[in-house]
């Protein structure tokens, strides 16, 4: 049996989100979902205070949150990771 890292179909077969043709020439799978984080989770990752983070959003130095509902905001994990990666280059 091939290792899960070399065969995407095997990686996602258990979740049922994988399909293959009968001749195994084409494999399609769904990539992992990019979770949306709420403010407390973002503060824990970035390790700054609430006021500082919201000021950074206002200044444009931190990604703006997504509007999930009229009162609920959240950030994609990938946006937070990209922000942190950009700091490493400075």
C-alpha atoms as a PDB file:
ATOM      1  CA  UNK A   1       0.000   0.000   0.000  1.00  0.00           C
ATOM      2  CA  UNK A   2       1.474   3.433  -0.893  1.00  0.00           C
ATOM      3  CA  UNK A   3       2.134   5.938   1.855  1.00  0.00           C
ATOM      4  CA  UNK A   4      -0.561   8.635   2.369  1.00  0.00           C
ATOM      5  CA  UNK A   5       1.863  11.406   1.461  1.00  0.00           C
ATOM      6  CA  UNK A   6       2.554   9.953  -1.987  1.00  0.00           C
ATOM      7  CA  UNK A   7      -1.072   9.148  -2.822  1.00  0.00           C
ATOM      8  CA  UNK A   8      -3.629  11.944  -2.267  1.00  0.00           C
ATOM      9  CA  UNK A   9      -6.470   9.525  -2.941  1.00  0.00           C
ATOM     10  CA  UNK A  10      -5.377   7.318  -0.058  1.00  0.00           C
ATOM     11  CA  UNK A  11      -5.051  10.363   2.187  1.00  0.00           C
ATOM     12  CA  UNK A  12      -8.661  11.398   1.688  1.00  0.00           C
ATOM     13  CA  UNK A  13     -10.226   7.979   1.098  1.00  0.00           C
ATOM     14  CA  UNK A  14     -11.269   7.590   4.730  1.00  0.00           C
ATOM     15  CA  UNK A  15     -13.227  10.857   4.655  1.00  0.00           C
ATOM     16  CA  UNK A  16     -15.099   9.934   1.490  1.00  0.00           C
ATOM     17  CA  UNK A  17     -14.047  13.145  -0.250  1.00  0.00           C
ATOM     18  CA  UNK A  18     -12.017  11.408  -2.914  1.00  0.00           C
ATOM     19  CA  UNK A  19     -12.903  10.070  -6.331  1.00  0.00           C
ATOM     20  CA  UNK A  20     -10.907   8.146  -8.878  1.00  0.00           C
ATOM     21  CA  UNK A  21     -11.591   6.882 -12.359  1.00  0.00           C
ATOM     22  CA  UNK A  22     -11.753   3.145 -12.777  1.00  0.00           C
ATOM     23  CA  UNK A  23      -8.466   3.129 -14.670  1.00  0.00           C
ATOM     24  CA  UNK A  24      -6.798   5.268 -11.941  1.00  0.00           C
ATOM     25  CA  UNK A  25      -5.637   7.898 -14.447  1.00  0.00           C
ATOM     26  CA  UNK A  26      -7.284  10.870 -12.724  1.00  0.00           C
ATOM     27  CA  UNK A  27      -7.547  11.532  -9.016  1.00  0.00           C
ATOM     28  CA  UNK A  28      -9.562  14.379  -7.558  1.00  0.00           C
ATOM     29  CA  UNK A  29      -9.731  15.304  -3.919  1.00  0.00           C
ATOM     30  CA  UNK A  30     -10.823  18.239  -1.832  1.00  0.00           C
ATOM     31  CA  UNK A  31      -8.059  20.208  -0.147  1.00  0.00           C
ATOM     32  CA  UNK A  32      -8.319  20.749   3.603  1.00  0.00           C
ATOM     33  CA  UNK A  33     -10.684  23.506   4.693  1.00  0.00           C
ATOM     34  CA  UNK A  34      -9.065  26.795   5.702  1.00  0.00           C
ATOM     35  CA  UNK A  35     -10.555  27.354   9.179  1.00  0.00           C
ATOM     36  CA  UNK A  36     -11.906  30.714  10.253  1.00  0.00           C
ATOM     37  CA  UNK A  37     -10.619  31.952  13.595  1.00  0.00           C
ATOM     38  CA  UNK A  38     -12.397  34.276  15.980  1.00  0.00           C
ATOM     39  CA  UNK A  39     -10.665  37.156  17.780  1.00  0.00           C
ATOM     40  CA  UNK A  40      -9.568  35.239  20.930  1.00  0.00           C
ATOM     41  CA  UNK A  41      -7.901  32.565  18.787  1.00  0.00           C
ATOM     42  CA  UNK A  42      -6.154  35.182  16.636  1.00  0.00           C
ATOM     43  CA  UNK A  43      -4.893  37.023  19.718  1.00  0.00           C
ATOM     44  CA  UNK A  44      -3.487  33.752  21.052  1.00  0.00           C
ATOM     45  CA  UNK A  45      -1.610  33.077  17.805  1.00  0.00           C
ATOM     46  CA  UNK A  46      -0.305  36.595  17.164  1.00  0.00           C
ATOM     47  CA  UNK A  47       0.382  37.316  20.846  1.00  0.00           C
ATOM     48  CA  UNK A  48      -0.624  40.980  20.844  1.00  0.00           C
ATOM     49  CA  UNK A  49      -3.393  42.719  22.746  1.00  0.00           C
ATOM     50  CA  UNK A  50      -6.910  43.266  21.411  1.00  0.00           C
ATOM     51  CA  UNK A  51      -6.506  47.024  21.041  1.00  0.00           C
ATOM     52  CA  UNK A  52      -3.157  46.633  19.281  1.00  0.00           C
ATOM     53  CA  UNK A  53      -4.545  44.069  16.855  1.00  0.00           C
ATOM     54  CA  UNK A  54      -7.594  46.183  15.984  1.00  0.00           C
ATOM     55  CA  UNK A  55      -5.348  49.235  15.486  1.00  0.00           C
ATOM     56  CA  UNK A  56      -3.164  47.178  13.142  1.00  0.00           C
ATOM     57  CA  UNK A  57      -6.282  46.216  11.148  1.00  0.00           C
ATOM     58  CA  UNK A  58      -7.323  49.882  10.959  1.00  0.00           C
ATOM     59  CA  UNK A  59      -3.809  50.904   9.837  1.00  0.00           C
ATOM     60  CA  UNK A  60      -3.772  48.152   7.197  1.00  0.00           C
ATOM     61  CA  UNK A  61      -0.768  46.304   8.646  1.00  0.00           C
ATOM     62  CA  UNK A  62      -2.880  43.276   9.627  1.00  0.00           C
ATOM     63  CA  UNK A  63      -5.471  41.491   7.439  1.00  0.00           C
ATOM     64  CA  UNK A  64      -9.044  42.671   7.847  1.00  0.00           C
ATOM     65  CA  UNK A  65     -11.517  40.131   9.223  1.00  0.00           C
ATOM     66  CA  UNK A  66     -14.239  38.482   7.170  1.00  0.00           C
ATOM     67  CA  UNK A  67     -17.821  39.457   7.977  1.00  0.00           C
ATOM     68  CA  UNK A  68     -19.515  36.182   8.832  1.00  0.00           C
ATOM     69  CA  UNK A  69     -22.767  37.787   9.998  1.00  0.00           C
ATOM     70  CA  UNK A  70     -23.826  41.309  10.924  1.00  0.00           C
ATOM     71  CA  UNK A  71     -22.048  40.985  14.284  1.00  0.00           C
ATOM     72  CA  UNK A  72     -19.532  38.169  13.857  1.00  0.00           C
ATOM     73  CA  UNK A  73     -16.085  38.602  12.337  1.00  0.00           C
ATOM     74  CA  UNK A  74     -13.322  36.079  11.761  1.00  0.00           C
ATOM     75  CA  UNK A  75      -9.961  35.624  10.067  1.00  0.00           C
ATOM     76  CA  UNK A  76      -8.829  32.789   7.798  1.00  0.00           C
ATOM     77  CA  UNK A  77      -5.964  30.840   9.307  1.00  0.00           C
ATOM     78  CA  UNK A  78      -4.054  31.200   6.034  1.00  0.00           C
ATOM     79  CA  UNK A  79      -4.271  35.023   6.258  1.00  0.00           C
ATOM     80  CA  UNK A  80      -2.785  34.932   9.770  1.00  0.00           C
ATOM     81  CA  UNK A  81      -0.032  32.562   8.633  1.00  0.00           C
ATOM     82  CA  UNK A  82       0.775  34.798   5.646  1.00  0.00           C
ATOM     83  CA  UNK A  83       0.998  37.810   7.971  1.00  0.00           C
ATOM     84  CA  UNK A  84       3.384  36.009  10.302  1.00  0.00           C
ATOM     85  CA  UNK A  85       5.465  34.758   7.363  1.00  0.00           C
ATOM     86  CA  UNK A  86       5.757  38.318   6.057  1.00  0.00           C
ATOM     87  CA  UNK A  87       7.173  39.432   9.415  1.00  0.00           C
ATOM     88  CA  UNK A  88       9.984  36.893   9.156  1.00  0.00           C
ATOM     89  CA  UNK A  89      11.234  38.579   5.992  1.00  0.00           C
ATOM     90  CA  UNK A  90      11.672  41.965   7.681  1.00  0.00           C
END
